[in-house]
């Protein structure tokens, strides 16, 4: 009955619901539901939702950016790697599909989002506003659970000293809105009170992740945002001075009270790892960066020796040859429910070929040097795609910049995670927002009717839309 109700929904609502489920319902649901990863349910629903979109007529013609074309080629190479794994390497069918599904469906999601936005003029508006409303509420819940010290949401919880680190599945969508709000503020444009509150909550949740990679990536994105706004003549002196004053007073008070001790300590350890030759490990702040680099180096060497063109393809961890498994020196632990049970019984640690801790090795393992080259071309073409030419429609200018910055954060986090190989639907959503805002913002004139009624604020929905 639930599936029939899903089919009866509008196209944009179906895609939204599918993405929401793929994102673990923004931590409102557990990762495993009825013995299956909840991502799989969302992925199947997303593919079902995509079918009707193929028969819908586009509202207007669109020019495909170069980096989207490159990603299309990369996605085609993923399918080739899958076929090569099945037909040439002879890997088991089901295990190979399991190993390939996250990357293939993840990258296909970009084209599904773009297709939806091109055939439904109200889809993008609905996505943005509902993401803002849902994450606004969840940020409040996340802060409450941090204060209480009791997990109220599902998601990634890890002990860090005497507190719990919580990494929300919706954090990166929230950070996109943070850049949107900050860029409006620095340009001295109208910022609503609820937007200031939203930005403060995102900063708090980001700080309490106690994740060094996120700290460095967010700091880089902030300075890049300021640089891009300044280069386009949008930074206003009064806004900048006000920000500096508030930031200085806030940091001084929080530092004096000791509230920032953990954040400062965590950030300092990250800077020491990057720029110091003598890294001092502590009980909770150890050097994991060096191990990640050695892992990537080992994976590149394995591919160069085995098959530089395709790599190992989509080989499942269950099908690794014993010689390969025993020869791994660096890697993440195999963290399946079966292995966790064995670890509790004293089974020695088993390293996985693919890693959630650094994504670059995953790409070369699954797609070889050809796929890695295509991915590097995508990065370059994406980075140079942000033009100095301003978007004429101010309603989309700041969201265009925000999605650009957040995609860069995803790229930086490939050194600290695997955003483009495990949670691919998230960066693909950012790219879809970036492409849509760039296309619509340049096509529409400032005198056109606003996308969401009379308001020029894309985050202020009318009652009828909520």
Protein backbone atom coordinates (compact mmCIF):
# COMPACT_ATOMS: atom_id res chain seq x y z
CA UNK A 1 0.00 0.00 0.00
CA UNK A 2 2.88 2.30 0.76
CA UNK A 3 4.39 1.61 -2.65
CA UNK A 4 1.07 2.32 -4.38
CA UNK A 5 0.82 5.59 -2.46
CA UNK A 6 4.36 6.41 -3.59
CA UNK A 7 3.48 5.78 -7.25
CA UNK A 8 0.48 8.10 -6.94
CA UNK A 9 2.68 11.04 -5.90
CA UNK A 10 3.79 13.78 -8.26
CA UNK A 11 7.14 13.32 -9.97
CA UNK A 12 8.94 15.92 -7.87
CA UNK A 13 7.57 14.48 -4.62
CA UNK A 14 8.60 10.94 -5.62
CA UNK A 15 12.17 12.00 -6.35
CA UNK A 16 12.29 14.03 -3.14
CA UNK A 17 11.03 11.10 -1.04
CA UNK A 18 13.50 8.71 -2.73
CA UNK A 19 16.43 11.02 -2.01
CA UNK A 20 15.21 11.54 1.56
CA UNK A 21 15.21 7.77 2.12
CA UNK A 22 18.65 7.39 0.51
CA UNK A 23 19.92 9.97 3.00
CA UNK A 24 18.70 7.74 5.87
CA UNK A 25 15.66 9.99 6.25
CA UNK A 26 18.05 12.64 7.59
CA UNK A 27 18.80 10.41 10.60
CA UNK A 28 15.13 9.89 11.42
CA UNK A 29 15.49 6.19 10.56
CA UNK A 30 18.15 3.54 11.27
CA UNK A 31 20.62 2.54 8.60
CA UNK A 32 19.33 -1.04 8.50
CA UNK A 33 15.59 -1.57 8.01
CA UNK A 34 14.19 -5.10 7.73
CA UNK A 35 17.69 -6.44 7.23
CA UNK A 36 18.50 -4.13 4.31
CA UNK A 37 20.40 -0.87 4.05
CA UNK A 38 17.83 1.91 3.90
CA UNK A 39 19.84 3.47 1.06
CA UNK A 40 18.83 0.53 -1.14
CA UNK A 41 15.13 1.23 -0.67
CA UNK A 42 15.66 4.86 -1.67
CA UNK A 43 17.83 3.92 -4.65
CA UNK A 44 15.17 1.58 -6.06
CA UNK A 45 12.50 4.25 -5.58
CA UNK A 46 14.72 6.84 -7.27
CA UNK A 47 15.17 4.65 -10.35
CA UNK A 48 11.43 4.01 -10.46
CA UNK A 49 10.81 7.75 -10.19
CA UNK A 50 13.21 8.44 -13.04
CA UNK A 51 11.33 6.34 -15.60
CA UNK A 52 8.36 8.72 -16.13
CA UNK A 53 10.72 11.71 -16.43
CA UNK A 54 12.13 10.29 -19.65
CA UNK A 55 8.79 10.84 -21.36
CA UNK A 56 8.25 14.40 -20.13
CA UNK A 57 8.98 17.36 -22.36
CA UNK A 58 11.60 19.83 -21.20
CA UNK A 59 10.33 23.29 -20.34
CA UNK A 60 13.21 24.99 -22.09
CA UNK A 61 16.40 24.03 -23.87
CA UNK A 62 19.49 23.77 -21.75
CA UNK A 63 23.20 23.87 -22.42
CA UNK A 64 25.11 21.09 -20.72
CA UNK A 65 28.22 22.29 -18.81
CA UNK A 66 31.50 20.60 -19.65
CA UNK A 67 31.87 18.99 -16.22
CA UNK A 68 28.42 17.37 -16.58
CA UNK A 69 29.51 15.89 -19.92
CA UNK A 70 32.66 14.56 -18.27
CA UNK A 71 30.59 13.01 -15.49
CA UNK A 72 28.39 11.41 -18.12
CA UNK A 73 31.51 9.81 -19.62
CA UNK A 74 32.65 8.77 -16.15
CA UNK A 75 29.26 7.16 -15.48
CA UNK A 76 29.49 5.31 -18.79
CA UNK A 77 32.92 4.06 -17.70
CA UNK A 78 31.37 2.81 -14.45
CA UNK A 79 28.99 0.66 -16.50
CA UNK A 80 31.92 -0.59 -18.57
CA UNK A 81 33.79 -1.46 -15.38
CA UNK A 82 30.74 -3.34 -14.14
CA UNK A 83 30.48 -5.36 -17.37
CA UNK A 84 34.23 -6.00 -17.34
CA UNK A 85 33.97 -7.26 -13.76
CA UNK A 86 31.21 -9.69 -14.72
CA UNK A 87 32.29 -10.85 -18.18
CA UNK A 88 36.09 -10.74 -18.00
CA UNK A 89 36.96 -11.07 -14.33
CA UNK A 90 34.03 -13.42 -13.75
CA UNK A 91 33.00 -12.02 -10.38
CA UNK A 92 29.73 -13.37 -8.89
CA UNK A 93 26.71 -11.48 -10.24
CA UNK A 94 24.93 -10.46 -7.05
CA UNK A 95 28.07 -9.52 -5.11
CA UNK A 96 29.33 -7.45 -8.03
CA UNK A 97 26.05 -5.58 -8.37
CA UNK A 98 26.17 -4.90 -4.62
CA UNK A 99 29.67 -3.50 -4.95
CA UNK A 100 28.74 -1.30 -7.94
CA UNK A 101 25.30 -0.06 -6.95
CA UNK A 102 26.30 2.88 -4.76
CA UNK A 103 28.56 4.57 -7.31
CA UNK A 104 26.43 3.83 -10.38
CA UNK A 105 23.09 4.87 -8.90
CA UNK A 106 24.80 7.76 -7.13
CA UNK A 107 26.17 9.28 -10.31
CA UNK A 108 22.95 8.56 -12.20
CA UNK A 109 21.13 10.63 -9.58
CA UNK A 110 22.73 13.81 -10.98
CA UNK A 111 21.02 13.28 -14.33
CA UNK A 112 17.76 12.35 -12.62
CA UNK A 113 17.79 15.61 -10.63
CA UNK A 114 18.66 17.65 -13.70
CA UNK A 115 15.95 15.95 -15.75
CA UNK A 116 13.38 16.62 -13.04
CA UNK A 117 14.33 20.30 -12.79
CA UNK A 118 14.14 20.64 -16.57
CA UNK A 119 10.63 19.17 -16.91
CA UNK A 120 9.01 20.52 -13.73
CA UNK A 121 9.35 24.24 -13.07
CA UNK A 122 8.21 23.87 -9.44
CA UNK A 123 10.48 20.96 -8.47
CA UNK A 124 13.58 22.96 -7.63
CA UNK A 125 11.59 25.44 -5.55
CA UNK A 126 10.02 22.60 -3.56
CA UNK A 127 13.36 20.84 -2.99
CA UNK A 128 15.09 23.94 -1.63
CA UNK A 129 12.32 25.01 0.70
CA UNK A 130 11.57 21.59 2.12
CA UNK A 131 15.27 20.88 2.69
CA UNK A 132 15.52 24.17 4.57
CA UNK A 133 12.45 23.55 6.73
CA UNK A 134 13.33 19.93 7.57
CA UNK A 135 16.97 20.65 8.39
CA UNK A 136 15.96 23.69 10.46
CA UNK A 137 13.93 21.45 12.76
CA UNK A 138 16.57 18.71 12.85
CA UNK A 139 19.33 21.16 13.74
CA UNK A 140 17.34 22.13 16.82
CA UNK A 141 16.94 18.46 17.75
CA UNK A 142 20.68 17.87 17.21
CA UNK A 143 21.57 20.72 19.56
CA UNK A 144 19.16 19.39 22.20
CA UNK A 145 20.67 15.91 21.99
CA UNK A 146 24.18 17.38 22.37
CA UNK A 147 23.14 19.29 25.50
CA UNK A 148 21.37 16.27 26.99
CA UNK A 149 24.08 13.83 25.92
CA UNK A 150 21.39 11.42 24.78
CA UNK A 151 21.08 10.28 21.11
CA UNK A 152 17.71 11.46 19.85
CA UNK A 153 18.51 10.88 16.17
CA UNK A 154 20.01 7.96 14.32
CA UNK A 155 23.24 8.57 12.46
CA UNK A 156 26.95 8.48 13.14
CA UNK A 157 27.69 8.85 16.85
CA UNK A 158 31.24 8.43 18.16
CA UNK A 159 32.75 9.01 21.58
CA UNK A 160 35.28 11.85 21.73
CA UNK A 161 36.72 12.19 25.21
CA UNK A 162 33.84 12.91 27.56
CA UNK A 163 31.38 13.94 24.80
CA UNK A 164 29.75 12.34 21.79
CA UNK A 165 30.59 13.34 18.22
CA UNK A 166 27.58 13.43 15.95
CA UNK A 167 27.92 13.68 12.19
CA UNK A 168 24.45 14.34 10.70
CA UNK A 169 23.58 12.93 7.31
CA UNK A 170 22.02 16.31 6.46
CA UNK A 171 25.03 18.38 7.59
CA UNK A 172 26.26 19.17 4.09
CA UNK A 173 22.86 20.35 2.91
CA UNK A 174 22.75 22.59 5.99
CA UNK A 175 26.20 23.92 5.16
CA UNK A 176 25.02 24.85 1.68
CA UNK A 177 22.38 27.05 3.28
CA UNK A 178 25.06 28.46 5.58
CA UNK A 179 27.05 29.70 2.57
CA UNK A 180 23.84 31.03 1.03
CA UNK A 181 23.05 33.05 4.16
CA UNK A 182 26.61 34.30 4.71
CA UNK A 183 27.05 35.39 1.10
CA UNK A 184 23.81 37.38 1.32
CA UNK A 185 25.00 38.96 4.55
CA UNK A 186 28.39 40.03 3.17
CA UNK A 187 26.61 41.51 0.16
CA UNK A 188 24.44 43.55 2.57
CA UNK A 189 21.27 41.95 1.28
CA UNK A 190 18.25 41.19 3.43
CA UNK A 191 18.81 38.30 5.84
CA UNK A 192 15.86 37.14 7.91
CA UNK A 193 16.10 36.45 11.64
CA UNK A 194 15.39 32.76 11.12
CA UNK A 195 18.28 32.64 8.66
CA UNK A 196 20.70 34.09 11.23
CA UNK A 197 19.47 31.47 13.70
CA UNK A 198 19.88 28.75 11.08
CA UNK A 199 23.46 29.84 10.32
CA UNK A 200 24.36 29.86 14.04
CA UNK A 201 22.96 26.35 14.48
CA UNK A 202 24.95 25.03 11.50
CA UNK A 203 28.15 26.53 12.91
CA UNK A 204 27.45 24.89 16.29
CA UNK A 205 26.73 21.46 14.80
CA UNK A 206 29.77 21.69 12.50
CA UNK A 207 31.99 22.58 15.46
CA UNK A 208 30.70 19.70 17.57
CA UNK A 209 31.47 17.11 14.91
CA UNK A 210 35.05 17.42 16.16
CA UNK A 211 36.20 16.32 12.72
CA UNK A 212 39.46 17.88 11.55
CA UNK A 213 38.82 17.33 7.87
CA UNK A 214 35.48 19.13 8.09
CA UNK A 215 37.08 22.03 9.99
CA UNK A 216 39.75 22.55 7.33
CA UNK A 217 37.32 22.15 4.43
CA UNK A 218 34.80 24.61 5.92
CA UNK A 219 37.54 27.14 6.69
CA UNK A 220 38.81 26.90 3.11
CA UNK A 221 35.28 27.32 1.72
CA UNK A 222 34.69 30.41 3.88
CA UNK A 223 37.77 32.22 2.61
CA UNK A 224 36.99 31.15 -0.96
CA UNK A 225 33.45 32.52 -0.60
CA UNK A 226 34.81 35.84 0.62
CA UNK A 227 37.33 35.96 -2.23
CA UNK A 228 34.73 35.24 -4.92
CA UNK A 229 32.32 37.81 -3.50
CA UNK A 230 35.11 40.39 -3.24
CA UNK A 231 36.27 39.69 -6.79
CA UNK A 232 32.76 40.37 -8.05
CA UNK A 233 32.49 43.57 -6.01
CA UNK A 234 29.76 42.28 -3.71
CA UNK A 235 31.50 42.50 -0.32
CA UNK A 236 30.28 45.49 1.68
CA UNK A 237 32.49 47.15 4.29
CA UNK A 238 29.79 47.55 6.93
CA UNK A 239 28.87 43.86 6.77
CA UNK A 240 32.51 42.80 6.96
CA UNK A 241 33.25 45.03 9.96
CA UNK A 242 30.12 43.80 11.72
CA UNK A 243 31.11 40.17 11.12
CA UNK A 244 34.64 40.74 12.43
CA UNK A 245 33.33 42.40 15.59
CA UNK A 246 30.76 39.70 16.31
CA UNK A 247 33.24 36.93 15.52
CA UNK A 248 35.98 38.44 17.69
CA UNK A 249 33.72 39.03 20.68
CA UNK A 250 32.08 35.61 20.33
CA UNK A 251 35.35 33.68 20.08
CA UNK A 252 36.88 35.65 22.95
CA UNK A 253 33.96 34.94 25.27
CA UNK A 254 33.71 31.26 24.32
CA UNK A 255 37.47 30.75 24.63
CA UNK A 256 37.58 32.45 28.04
CA UNK A 257 34.74 30.25 29.26
CA UNK A 258 36.45 27.10 28.01
CA UNK A 259 33.59 26.23 25.66
CA UNK A 260 35.94 26.10 22.66
CA UNK A 261 38.71 24.04 24.25
CA UNK A 262 37.80 20.80 22.46
CA UNK A 263 37.23 22.55 19.12
CA UNK A 264 40.51 24.46 19.32
CA UNK A 265 42.40 21.36 20.40
CA UNK A 266 40.93 19.31 17.58
CA UNK A 267 41.60 22.00 14.96
CA UNK A 268 45.16 22.51 16.22
CA UNK A 269 45.93 18.81 15.97
CA UNK A 270 44.71 18.86 12.36
CA UNK A 271 46.97 21.79 11.49
CA UNK A 272 49.91 20.07 13.21
CA UNK A 273 49.40 16.95 11.10
CA UNK A 274 49.39 18.98 7.88
CA UNK A 275 52.18 21.46 8.57
CA UNK A 276 54.35 20.05 11.35
CA UNK A 277 57.09 17.45 11.08
CA UNK A 278 56.74 16.42 14.71
CA UNK A 279 53.17 15.33 15.24
CA UNK A 280 52.28 14.58 18.86
CA UNK A 281 49.60 11.94 19.16
CA UNK A 282 47.32 12.07 22.16
CA UNK A 283 44.80 9.56 23.39
CA UNK A 284 41.98 11.12 21.36
CA UNK A 285 43.87 13.14 18.71
CA UNK A 286 45.98 10.69 16.76
CA UNK A 287 47.50 11.09 13.29
CA UNK A 288 45.14 9.35 10.87
CA UNK A 289 46.19 11.52 7.93
CA UNK A 290 49.49 9.72 7.27
CA UNK A 291 47.75 6.35 7.23
CA UNK A 292 45.25 7.62 4.67
CA UNK A 293 48.01 8.72 2.31
CA UNK A 294 49.77 5.36 2.67
CA UNK A 295 46.48 3.59 1.96
CA UNK A 296 45.95 5.53 -1.28
CA UNK A 297 49.57 4.91 -2.32
CA UNK A 298 49.18 1.19 -1.73
CA UNK A 299 45.94 1.04 -3.76
CA UNK A 300 47.51 2.88 -6.70
CA UNK A 301 50.43 0.45 -6.65
CA UNK A 302 48.09 -2.54 -6.61
CA UNK A 303 46.14 -1.24 -9.61
CA UNK A 304 49.31 -0.37 -11.55
CA UNK A 305 50.48 -3.94 -11.08
CA UNK A 306 47.15 -5.72 -11.64
CA UNK A 307 45.29 -3.82 -14.40
CA UNK A 308 45.98 -0.09 -14.92
CA UNK A 309 43.06 0.33 -17.32
CA UNK A 310 40.13 -1.03 -15.28
CA UNK A 311 41.72 -1.73 -11.92
CA UNK A 312 40.03 -4.44 -9.87
CA UNK A 313 36.59 -3.36 -11.05
CA UNK A 314 33.65 -3.80 -8.72
CA UNK A 315 34.99 -6.67 -6.68
CA UNK A 316 33.07 -7.38 -3.49
CA UNK A 317 34.99 -7.73 -0.24
CA UNK A 318 33.66 -11.29 0.06
CA UNK A 319 35.39 -12.25 -3.20
CA UNK A 320 38.89 -10.92 -2.53
CA UNK A 321 41.62 -13.48 -3.24
CA UNK A 322 43.37 -14.57 -0.04
CA UNK A 323 46.74 -13.38 -1.32
CA UNK A 324 45.34 -9.89 -1.95
CA UNK A 325 43.52 -9.76 1.39
CA UNK A 326 46.54 -10.94 3.37
CA UNK A 327 48.87 -8.56 1.53
CA UNK A 328 47.06 -5.35 2.50
CA UNK A 329 49.06 -3.22 4.92
CA UNK A 330 46.69 -0.25 5.17
CA UNK A 331 42.93 0.04 5.16
CA UNK A 332 39.70 0.36 7.07
CA UNK A 333 38.38 -2.59 9.02
CA UNK A 334 35.72 -4.73 7.38
CA UNK A 335 32.71 -3.52 9.36
CA UNK A 336 29.92 -5.88 8.36
CA UNK A 337 27.58 -7.22 11.07
CA UNK A 338 29.17 -10.67 10.70
CA UNK A 339 32.69 -9.31 11.20
CA UNK A 340 31.67 -7.15 14.15
CA UNK A 341 30.36 -10.28 15.83
CA UNK A 342 33.63 -12.09 15.11
CA UNK A 343 35.67 -9.19 16.48
CA UNK A 344 33.76 -9.48 19.76
CA UNK A 345 34.77 -13.14 19.85
CA UNK A 346 38.45 -12.26 19.46
CA UNK A 347 38.83 -12.55 15.67
CA UNK A 348 41.88 -10.60 14.44
CA UNK A 349 41.19 -7.35 12.49
CA UNK A 350 40.51 -7.78 8.76
CA UNK A 351 41.37 -4.91 6.39
CA UNK A 352 39.01 -3.97 3.58
CA UNK A 353 40.21 -3.27 0.04
CA UNK A 354 37.89 -0.27 -0.31
CA UNK A 355 37.84 2.40 2.36
CA UNK A 356 35.31 4.87 3.74
CA UNK A 357 38.16 6.94 5.20
CA UNK A 358 39.65 8.19 1.93
CA UNK A 359 37.95 8.04 -1.45
CA UNK A 360 40.74 8.45 -3.98
CA UNK A 361 41.86 4.85 -3.68
CA UNK A 362 38.29 3.62 -4.22
CA UNK A 363 38.03 5.39 -7.57
CA UNK A 364 41.23 3.92 -8.96
CA UNK A 365 40.37 0.45 -7.60
CA UNK A 366 36.92 0.38 -9.23
CA UNK A 367 37.69 2.21 -12.48
CA UNK A 368 41.45 2.03 -13.02
CA UNK A 369 43.59 4.91 -14.19
CA UNK A 370 41.15 5.68 -17.02
CA UNK A 371 38.33 6.33 -14.57
CA UNK A 372 40.64 8.25 -12.25
CA UNK A 373 41.74 10.45 -15.16
CA UNK A 374 38.11 11.18 -16.09
CA UNK A 375 37.37 12.07 -12.48
CA UNK A 376 40.33 14.47 -12.41
CA UNK A 377 39.09 16.08 -15.63
CA UNK A 378 35.71 16.53 -13.96
CA UNK A 379 37.35 18.27 -11.00
CA UNK A 380 39.28 20.70 -13.20
CA UNK A 381 36.31 21.45 -15.45
CA UNK A 382 34.08 22.00 -12.42
CA UNK A 383 36.50 24.33 -10.66
CA UNK A 384 36.88 26.56 -13.72
CA UNK A 385 33.13 26.55 -14.41
CA UNK A 386 32.44 29.33 -11.91
CA UNK A 387 32.65 32.42 -14.07
CA UNK A 388 33.20 36.01 -13.06
CA UNK A 389 30.13 36.90 -15.05
CA UNK A 390 27.40 37.52 -12.50
CA UNK A 391 24.06 35.77 -12.57
CA UNK A 392 21.44 38.33 -13.48
CA UNK A 393 18.76 36.91 -11.19
CA UNK A 394 19.86 37.70 -7.64
CA UNK A 395 17.50 35.05 -6.26
CA UNK A 396 19.78 32.36 -7.65
CA UNK A 397 23.17 34.06 -7.40
CA UNK A 398 23.85 33.17 -3.77
CA UNK A 399 22.52 29.62 -3.98
CA UNK A 400 24.66 29.11 -7.08
CA UNK A 401 27.73 30.21 -5.12
CA UNK A 402 26.71 28.16 -2.08
CA UNK A 403 26.34 24.91 -4.05
CA UNK A 404 29.70 25.55 -5.74
CA UNK A 405 31.42 25.96 -2.37
CA UNK A 406 29.74 22.90 -0.90
CA UNK A 407 30.82 20.75 -3.84
CA UNK A 408 34.38 21.89 -3.22
CA UNK A 409 33.97 20.79 0.39
CA UNK A 410 32.91 17.36 -0.85
CA UNK A 411 36.05 17.20 -3.01
CA UNK A 412 38.26 18.18 -0.07
CA UNK A 413 36.59 15.60 2.13
CA UNK A 414 37.71 12.90 -0.27
CA UNK A 415 40.97 13.10 1.71
CA UNK A 416 39.04 12.49 4.91
CA UNK A 417 36.15 10.39 3.65
CA UNK A 418 34.54 8.96 0.54
CA UNK A 419 31.82 11.39 -0.50
CA UNK A 420 32.20 10.65 -4.23
CA UNK A 421 32.30 6.87 -3.80
CA UNK A 422 29.93 6.05 -0.92
CA UNK A 423 27.42 8.89 -0.39
CA UNK A 424 27.48 10.00 -4.01
CA UNK A 425 23.87 11.24 -4.10
CA UNK A 426 24.81 14.15 -1.80
CA UNK A 427 27.47 15.80 -4.01
CA UNK A 428 25.32 15.02 -7.06
CA UNK A 429 22.47 17.00 -5.51
CA UNK A 430 24.85 19.93 -4.99
CA UNK A 431 25.95 19.75 -8.60
CA UNK A 432 22.32 19.69 -9.76
CA UNK A 433 21.58 22.82 -7.69
CA UNK A 434 24.70 24.48 -9.09
CA UNK A 435 23.81 23.70 -12.70
CA UNK A 436 20.17 24.72 -12.31
CA UNK A 437 20.91 28.02 -10.55
CA UNK A 438 23.56 28.89 -13.12
CA UNK A 439 21.24 28.17 -16.03
CA UNK A 440 18.06 29.74 -14.69
CA UNK A 441 19.83 32.66 -13.04
CA UNK A 442 21.43 33.72 -16.31
CA UNK A 443 18.36 33.11 -18.45
CA UNK A 444 15.90 35.05 -16.30
CA UNK A 445 15.91 38.80 -15.99
CA UNK A 446 15.69 40.67 -12.71
CA UNK A 447 12.18 41.89 -13.62
CA UNK A 448 10.75 38.40 -14.11
CA UNK A 449 8.16 37.06 -11.73
CA UNK A 450 9.87 35.53 -8.67
CA UNK A 451 10.09 31.77 -8.52
CA UNK A 452 8.18 31.53 -5.25
CA UNK A 453 5.66 34.33 -5.57
CA UNK A 454 6.37 37.91 -4.59
CA UNK A 455 9.30 37.22 -2.31
CA UNK A 456 12.84 37.46 -3.62
CA UNK A 457 14.13 35.23 -0.82
CA UNK A 458 14.32 31.67 -2.09
CA UNK A 459 14.10 30.30 1.47
CA UNK A 460 10.83 32.06 2.38
CA UNK A 461 8.01 29.78 1.14
CA UNK A 462 4.42 30.84 0.98
CA UNK A 463 1.90 28.95 3.10
CA UNK A 464 0.37 27.28 0.05
CA UNK A 465 3.68 25.65 -0.80
CA UNK A 466 4.21 24.12 2.62
